[in-house]
PDB file of N, CA and C in Angstrom:
ATOM      1  N   MET A   1       0.819  -1.190   0.000  1.00  0.00           N
ATOM      2  CA  MET A   1       0.000   0.000   0.000  1.00  0.00           C
ATOM      3  C   MET A   1       0.863   1.253   0.000  1.00  0.00           C
ATOM      4  N   PHE A   2       2.013   1.252   0.651  1.00  0.00           N
ATOM      5  CA  PHE A   2       2.818   2.452   0.763  1.00  0.00           C
ATOM      6  C   PHE A   2       3.997   2.463  -0.201  1.00  0.00           C
ATOM      7  N   ARG A   3       4.205   1.374  -0.925  1.00  0.00           N
ATOM      8  CA  ARG A   3       5.276   1.308  -1.914  1.00  0.00           C
ATOM      9  C   ARG A   3       4.754   1.782  -3.262  1.00  0.00           C
ATOM     10  N   ASN A   4       5.661   2.174  -4.146  1.00  0.00           N
ATOM     11  CA  ASN A   4       5.264   2.540  -5.501  1.00  0.00           C
ATOM     12  C   ASN A   4       4.982   1.269  -6.287  1.00  0.00           C
ATOM     13  N   LYS A   5       3.720   1.066  -6.611  1.00  0.00           N
ATOM     14  CA  LYS A   5       3.304  -0.101  -7.382  1.00  0.00           C
ATOM     15  C   LYS A   5       2.412   0.370  -8.515  1.00  0.00           C
ATOM     16  N   ASP A   6       2.246  -0.466  -9.504  1.00  0.00           N
ATOM     17  CA  ASP A   6       1.280  -0.167 -10.547  1.00  0.00           C
ATOM     18  C   ASP A   6      -0.109  -0.161  -9.929  1.00  0.00           C
ATOM     19  N   GLU A   7      -1.014   0.622 -10.507  1.00  0.00           N
ATOM     20  CA  GLU A   7      -2.387   0.738 -10.002  1.00  0.00           C
ATOM     21  C   GLU A   7      -3.030  -0.629  -9.812  1.00  0.00           C
ATOM     22  N   GLU A   8      -2.804  -1.557 -10.724  1.00  0.00           N
ATOM     23  CA  GLU A   8      -3.438  -2.871 -10.661  1.00  0.00           C
ATOM     24  C   GLU A   8      -2.964  -3.688  -9.468  1.00  0.00           C
ATOM     25  N   GLU A   9      -1.757  -3.442  -8.975  1.00  0.00           N
ATOM     26  CA  GLU A   9      -1.206  -4.222  -7.881  1.00  0.00           C
ATOM     27  C   GLU A   9      -1.573  -3.679  -6.506  1.00  0.00           C
ATOM     28  N   GLN A  10      -2.050  -2.435  -6.425  1.00  0.00           N
ATOM     29  CA  GLN A  10      -2.357  -1.841  -5.135  1.00  0.00           C
ATOM     30  C   GLN A  10      -3.599  -2.488  -4.544  1.00  0.00           C
ATOM     31  N   ARG A  11      -3.560  -2.717  -3.228  1.00  0.00           N
ATOM     32  CA  ARG A  11      -4.676  -3.378  -2.572  1.00  0.00           C
ATOM     33  C   ARG A  11      -5.919  -2.492  -2.510  1.00  0.00           C
ATOM     34  N   PHE A  12      -5.733  -1.195  -2.296  1.00  0.00           N
ATOM     35  CA  PHE A  12      -6.859  -0.275  -2.170  1.00  0.00           C
ATOM     36  C   PHE A  12      -6.918   0.668  -3.361  1.00  0.00           C
ATOM     37  N   TYR A  13      -8.134   1.043  -3.752  1.00  0.00           N
ATOM     38  CA  TYR A  13      -8.277   2.096  -4.751  1.00  0.00           C
ATOM     39  C   TYR A  13      -9.344   3.079  -4.288  1.00  0.00           C
ATOM     40  N   ILE A  14      -9.250   4.304  -4.800  1.00  0.00           N
ATOM     41  CA  ILE A  14     -10.196   5.353  -4.434  1.00  0.00           C
ATOM     42  C   ILE A  14     -11.400   5.263  -5.366  1.00  0.00           C
ATOM     43  N   LYS A  15     -12.563   5.008  -4.780  1.00  0.00           N
ATOM     44  CA  LYS A  15     -13.798   4.904  -5.545  1.00  0.00           C
ATOM     45  C   LYS A  15     -14.383   6.291  -5.795  1.00  0.00           C
ATOM     46  N   SER A  16     -14.346   7.140  -4.772  1.00  0.00           N
ATOM     47  CA  SER A  16     -14.836   8.507  -4.916  1.00  0.00           C
ATOM     48  C   SER A  16     -14.171   9.404  -3.893  1.00  0.00           C
ATOM     49  N   SER A  17     -14.184  10.694  -4.177  1.00  0.00           N
ATOM     50  CA  SER A  17     -13.560  11.682  -3.307  1.00  0.00           C
ATOM     51  C   SER A  17     -14.385  12.952  -3.352  1.00  0.00           C
ATOM     52  N   GLU A  18     -14.546  13.601  -2.199  1.00  0.00           N
ATOM     53  CA  GLU A  18     -15.358  14.812  -2.144  1.00  0.00           C
ATOM     54  C   GLU A  18     -14.750  15.799  -1.147  1.00  0.00           C
ATOM     55  N   ASN A  19     -14.516  17.010  -1.616  1.00  0.00           N
ATOM     56  CA  ASN A  19     -14.086  18.085  -0.727  1.00  0.00           C
ATOM     57  C   ASN A  19     -15.334  18.771  -0.199  1.00  0.00           C
ATOM     58  N   VAL A  20     -15.366  19.048   1.101  1.00  0.00           N
ATOM     59  CA  VAL A  20     -16.526  19.666   1.730  1.00  0.00           C
ATOM     60  C   VAL A  20     -16.136  21.077   2.162  1.00  0.00           C
ATOM     61  N   ALA A  21     -16.384  22.030   1.262  1.00  0.00           N
ATOM     62  CA  ALA A  21     -16.061  23.448   1.501  1.00  0.00           C
ATOM     63  C   ALA A  21     -14.710  23.565   2.197  1.00  0.00           C
ATOM     64  N   SER A  22     -14.655  24.283   3.271  1.00  0.00           N
ATOM     65  CA  SER A  22     -13.390  24.434   4.007  1.00  0.00           C
ATOM     66  C   SER A  22     -13.310  23.456   5.176  1.00  0.00           C
ATOM     67  N   LEU A  23     -14.278  22.558   5.279  1.00  0.00           N
ATOM     68  CA  LEU A  23     -14.325  21.634   6.413  1.00  0.00           C
ATOM     69  C   LEU A  23     -13.347  20.481   6.298  1.00  0.00           C
ATOM     70  N   GLY A  24     -13.226  19.899   5.124  1.00  0.00           N
ATOM     71  CA  GLY A  24     -12.358  18.735   4.990  1.00  0.00           C
ATOM     72  C   GLY A  24     -12.612  17.967   3.720  1.00  0.00           C
ATOM     73  N   ARG A  25     -12.286  16.687   3.783  1.00  0.00           N
ATOM     74  CA  ARG A  25     -12.386  15.826   2.601  1.00  0.00           C
ATOM     75  C   ARG A  25     -12.874  14.442   3.010  1.00  0.00           C
ATOM     76  N   TYR A  26     -13.713  13.845   2.168  1.00  0.00           N
ATOM     77  CA  TYR A  26     -14.210  12.492   2.374  1.00  0.00           C
ATOM     78  C   TYR A  26     -13.814  11.643   1.180  1.00  0.00           C
ATOM     79  N   VAL A  27     -13.337  10.423   1.447  1.00  0.00           N
ATOM     80  CA  VAL A  27     -12.898   9.511   0.398  1.00  0.00           C
ATOM     81  C   VAL A  27     -13.486   8.130   0.676  1.00  0.00           C
ATOM     82  N   VAL A  28     -13.991   7.484  -0.375  1.00  0.00           N
ATOM     83  CA  VAL A  28     -14.435   6.088  -0.258  1.00  0.00           C
ATOM     84  C   VAL A  28     -13.357   5.230  -0.899  1.00  0.00           C
ATOM     85  N   LEU A  29     -12.767   4.348  -0.083  1.00  0.00           N
ATOM     86  CA  LEU A  29     -11.724   3.425  -0.528  1.00  0.00           C
ATOM     87  C   LEU A  29     -12.322   2.032  -0.648  1.00  0.00           C
ATOM     88  N   VAL A  30     -11.827   1.249  -1.593  1.00  0.00           N
ATOM     89  CA  VAL A  30     -12.288  -0.131  -1.747  1.00  0.00           C
ATOM     90  C   VAL A  30     -11.082  -1.055  -1.651  1.00  0.00           C
ATOM     91  N   ASP A  31     -11.205  -2.090  -0.825  1.00  0.00           N
ATOM     92  CA  ASP A  31     -10.180  -3.115  -0.673  1.00  0.00           C
ATOM     93  C   ASP A  31     -10.380  -4.135  -1.784  1.00  0.00           C
ATOM     94  N   ARG A  32      -9.416  -4.254  -2.673  1.00  0.00           N
ATOM     95  CA  ARG A  32      -9.543  -5.179  -3.804  1.00  0.00           C
ATOM     96  C   ARG A  32      -9.606  -6.641  -3.365  1.00  0.00           C
ATOM     97  N   GLU A  33      -9.031  -6.973  -2.217  1.00  0.00           N
ATOM     98  CA  GLU A  33      -9.014  -8.380  -1.770  1.00  0.00           C
ATOM     99  C   GLU A  33     -10.314  -8.801  -1.119  1.00  0.00           C
ATOM    100  N   THR A  34     -10.977  -7.887  -0.391  1.00  0.00           N
ATOM    101  CA  THR A  34     -12.207  -8.242   0.318  1.00  0.00           C
ATOM    102  C   THR A  34     -13.450  -7.613  -0.282  1.00  0.00           C
ATOM    103  N   GLY A  35     -13.273  -6.546  -1.076  1.00  0.00           N
ATOM    104  CA  GLY A  35     -14.411  -5.822  -1.641  1.00  0.00           C
ATOM    105  C   GLY A  35     -15.050  -4.843  -0.677  1.00  0.00           C
ATOM    106  N   VAL A  36     -14.544  -4.758   0.564  1.00  0.00           N
ATOM    107  CA  VAL A  36     -15.115  -3.877   1.581  1.00  0.00           C
ATOM    108  C   VAL A  36     -14.835  -2.413   1.235  1.00  0.00           C
ATOM    109  N   ASN A  37     -15.879  -1.574   1.375  1.00  0.00           N
ATOM    110  CA  ASN A  37     -15.760  -0.126   1.171  1.00  0.00           C
ATOM    111  C   ASN A  37     -15.498   0.538   2.512  1.00  0.00           C
ATOM    112  N   TYR A  38     -14.587   1.509   2.521  1.00  0.00           N
ATOM    113  CA  TYR A  38     -14.260   2.256   3.731  1.00  0.00           C
ATOM    114  C   TYR A  38     -14.478   3.736   3.481  1.00  0.00           C
ATOM    115  N   LEU A  39     -14.956   4.447   4.491  1.00  0.00           N
ATOM    116  CA  LEU A  39     -15.084   5.892   4.440  1.00  0.00           C
ATOM    117  C   LEU A  39     -13.941   6.483   5.244  1.00  0.00           C
ATOM    118  N   GLN A  40     -13.116   7.284   4.579  1.00  0.00           N
ATOM    119  CA  GLN A  40     -12.003   7.958   5.238  1.00  0.00           C
ATOM    120  C   GLN A  40     -12.301   9.447   5.212  1.00  0.00           C
ATOM    121  N   SER A  41     -12.068  10.112   6.348  1.00  0.00           N
ATOM    122  CA  SER A  41     -12.353  11.543   6.416  1.00  0.00           C
ATOM    123  C   SER A  41     -11.182  12.303   7.007  1.00  0.00           C
ATOM    124  N   TRP A  42     -11.002  13.499   6.490  1.00  0.00           N
ATOM    125  CA  TRP A  42     -10.050  14.457   7.054  1.00  0.00           C
ATOM    126  C   TRP A  42     -10.861  15.705   7.344  1.00  0.00           C
ATOM    127  N   VAL A  43     -11.041  16.014   8.614  1.00  0.00           N
ATOM    128  CA  VAL A  43     -11.837  17.177   9.005  1.00  0.00           C
ATOM    129  C   VAL A  43     -11.037  17.964  10.036  1.00  0.00           C
ATOM    130  N   GLY A  44     -10.797  19.232   9.728  1.00  0.00           N
ATOM    131  CA  GLY A  44     -10.000  20.054  10.634  1.00  0.00           C
ATOM    132  C   GLY A  44      -8.625  19.441  10.809  1.00  0.00           C
ATOM    133  N   GLY A  45      -8.230  19.204  12.035  1.00  0.00           N
ATOM    134  CA  GLY A  45      -6.921  18.628  12.319  1.00  0.00           C
ATOM    135  C   GLY A  45      -6.940  17.130  12.532  1.00  0.00           C
ATOM    136  N   GLY A  46      -8.089  16.497  12.352  1.00  0.00           N
ATOM    137  CA  GLY A  46      -8.186  15.066  12.610  1.00  0.00           C
ATOM    138  C   GLY A  46      -8.572  14.269  11.388  1.00  0.00           C
ATOM    139  N   SER A  47      -8.465  12.958  11.529  1.00  0.00           N
ATOM    140  CA  SER A  47      -8.855  12.061  10.443  1.00  0.00           C
ATOM    141  C   SER A  47      -9.390  10.770  11.033  1.00  0.00           C
ATOM    142  N   GLY A  48     -10.084  10.019  10.214  1.00  0.00           N
ATOM    143  CA  GLY A  48     -10.617   8.743  10.667  1.00  0.00           C
ATOM    144  C   GLY A  48     -10.979   7.863   9.500  1.00  0.00           C
ATOM    145  N   ILE A  49     -11.172   6.576   9.787  1.00  0.00           N
ATOM    146  CA  ILE A  49     -11.574   5.625   8.753  1.00  0.00           C
ATOM    147  C   ILE A  49     -12.502   4.597   9.399  1.00  0.00           C
ATOM    148  N   THR A  50     -13.531   4.191   8.646  1.00  0.00           N
ATOM    149  CA  THR A  50     -14.503   3.225   9.142  1.00  0.00           C
ATOM    150  C   THR A  50     -15.107   2.480   7.962  1.00  0.00           C
ATOM    151  N   PRO A  51     -15.547   1.239   8.158  1.00  0.00           N
ATOM    152  CA  PRO A  51     -16.236   0.549   7.064  1.00  0.00           C
ATOM    153  C   PRO A  51     -17.508   1.328   6.697  1.00  0.00           C
ATOM    154  N   LEU A  52     -17.809   1.389   5.423  1.00  0.00           N
ATOM    155  CA  LEU A  52     -19.011   2.064   4.945  1.00  0.00           C
ATOM    156  C   LEU A  52     -20.189   1.112   5.124  1.00  0.00           C
ATOM    157  N   LEU A  53     -21.286   1.615   5.689  1.00  0.00           N
ATOM    158  CA  LEU A  53     -22.463   0.791   5.960  1.00  0.00           C
ATOM    159  C   LEU A  53     -23.628   1.198   5.067  1.00  0.00           C
ATOM    160  N   ASP A  54     -24.478   0.215   4.728  1.00  0.00           N
ATOM    161  CA  ASP A  54     -25.682   0.530   3.966  1.00  0.00           C
ATOM    162  C   ASP A  54     -26.793   0.932   4.937  1.00  0.00           C
ATOM    163  N   ARG A  55     -27.987   1.162   4.421  1.00  0.00           N
ATOM    164  CA  ARG A  55     -29.087   1.637   5.273  1.00  0.00           C
ATOM    165  C   ARG A  55     -29.531   0.612   6.315  1.00  0.00           C
ATOM    166  N   ASN A  56     -29.160  -0.677   6.129  1.00  0.00           N
ATOM    167  CA  ASN A  56     -29.512  -1.718   7.092  1.00  0.00           C
ATOM    168  C   ASN A  56     -28.402  -1.986   8.103  1.00  0.00           C
ATOM    169  N   GLY A  57     -27.322  -1.205   8.027  1.00  0.00           N
ATOM    170  CA  GLY A  57     -26.209  -1.378   8.955  1.00  0.00           C
ATOM    171  C   GLY A  57     -25.226  -2.459   8.540  1.00  0.00           C
ATOM    172  N   GLN A  58     -25.359  -2.955   7.308  1.00  0.00           N
ATOM    173  CA  GLN A  58     -24.456  -3.983   6.800  1.00  0.00           C
ATOM    174  C   GLN A  58     -23.280  -3.334   6.072  1.00  0.00           C
ATOM    175  N   VAL A  59     -22.108  -3.940   6.160  1.00  0.00           N
ATOM    176  CA  VAL A  59     -20.926  -3.432   5.480  1.00  0.00           C
ATOM    177  C   VAL A  59     -21.134  -3.513   3.964  1.00  0.00           C
ATOM    178  N   VAL A  60     -20.787  -2.429   3.265  1.00  0.00           N
ATOM    179  CA  VAL A  60     -20.907  -2.394   1.801  1.00  0.00           C
ATOM    180  C   VAL A  60     -19.734  -3.162   1.209  1.00  0.00           C
ATOM    181  N   VAL A  61     -20.052  -4.205   0.416  1.00  0.00           N
ATOM    182  CA  VAL A  61     -19.034  -5.038  -0.229  1.00  0.00           C
ATOM    183  C   VAL A  61     -19.292  -5.041  -1.724  1.00  0.00           C
ATOM    184  N   GLU A  62     -18.259  -4.735  -2.502  1.00  0.00           N
ATOM    185  CA  GLU A  62     -18.357  -4.767  -3.956  1.00  0.00           C
ATOM    186  C   GLU A  62     -17.802  -6.084  -4.471  1.00  0.00           C
ATOM    187  N   LYS A  63     -18.656  -6.923  -4.927  1.00  0.00           N
ATOM    188  CA  LYS A  63     -18.212  -8.220  -5.425  1.00  0.00           C
ATOM    189  C   LYS A  63     -17.429  -8.087  -6.726  1.00  0.00           C
ATOM    190  N   SER A  64     -17.705  -7.031  -7.516  1.00  0.00           N
ATOM    191  CA  SER A  64     -17.020  -6.837  -8.785  1.00  0.00           C
ATOM    192  C   SER A  64     -15.551  -6.452  -8.613  1.00  0.00           C
ATOM    193  N   SER A  65     -15.163  -5.972  -7.429  1.00  0.00           N
ATOM    194  CA  SER A  65     -13.771  -5.555  -7.210  1.00  0.00           C
ATOM    195  C   SER A  65     -12.890  -6.666  -6.661  1.00  0.00           C
ATOM    196  N   LEU A  66     -13.483  -7.820  -6.345  1.00  0.00           N
ATOM    197  CA  LEU A  66     -12.718  -8.916  -5.758  1.00  0.00           C
ATOM    198  C   LEU A  66     -11.773  -9.539  -6.772  1.00  0.00           C
ATOM    199  N   LYS A  67     -10.581  -9.914  -6.283  1.00  0.00           N
ATOM    200  CA  LYS A  67      -9.629 -10.622  -7.128  1.00  0.00           C
ATOM    201  C   LYS A  67     -10.119 -12.037  -7.378  1.00  0.00           C
ATOM    202  N   ASP A  68      -9.810 -12.572  -8.534  1.00  0.00           N
ATOM    203  CA  ASP A  68     -10.228 -13.956  -8.842  1.00  0.00           C
ATOM    204  C   ASP A  68      -9.337 -14.952  -8.150  1.00  0.00           C
TER     205      ASP A  68
END
């Protein structure tokens, strides 16, 4: 994840990114090995990351991103 690799070899990829005025930035990351979506935020001087949940409280998993 922290080494210089080709895009295809990296475990995580950025699905979407959004800047929120002067407040911060939100990014949805996807783990290519598990398909799990994560929400990463940078707000003010802090940051955090958590699995992204659907409306039923279940972890969002993208089956199309899984490695064969």
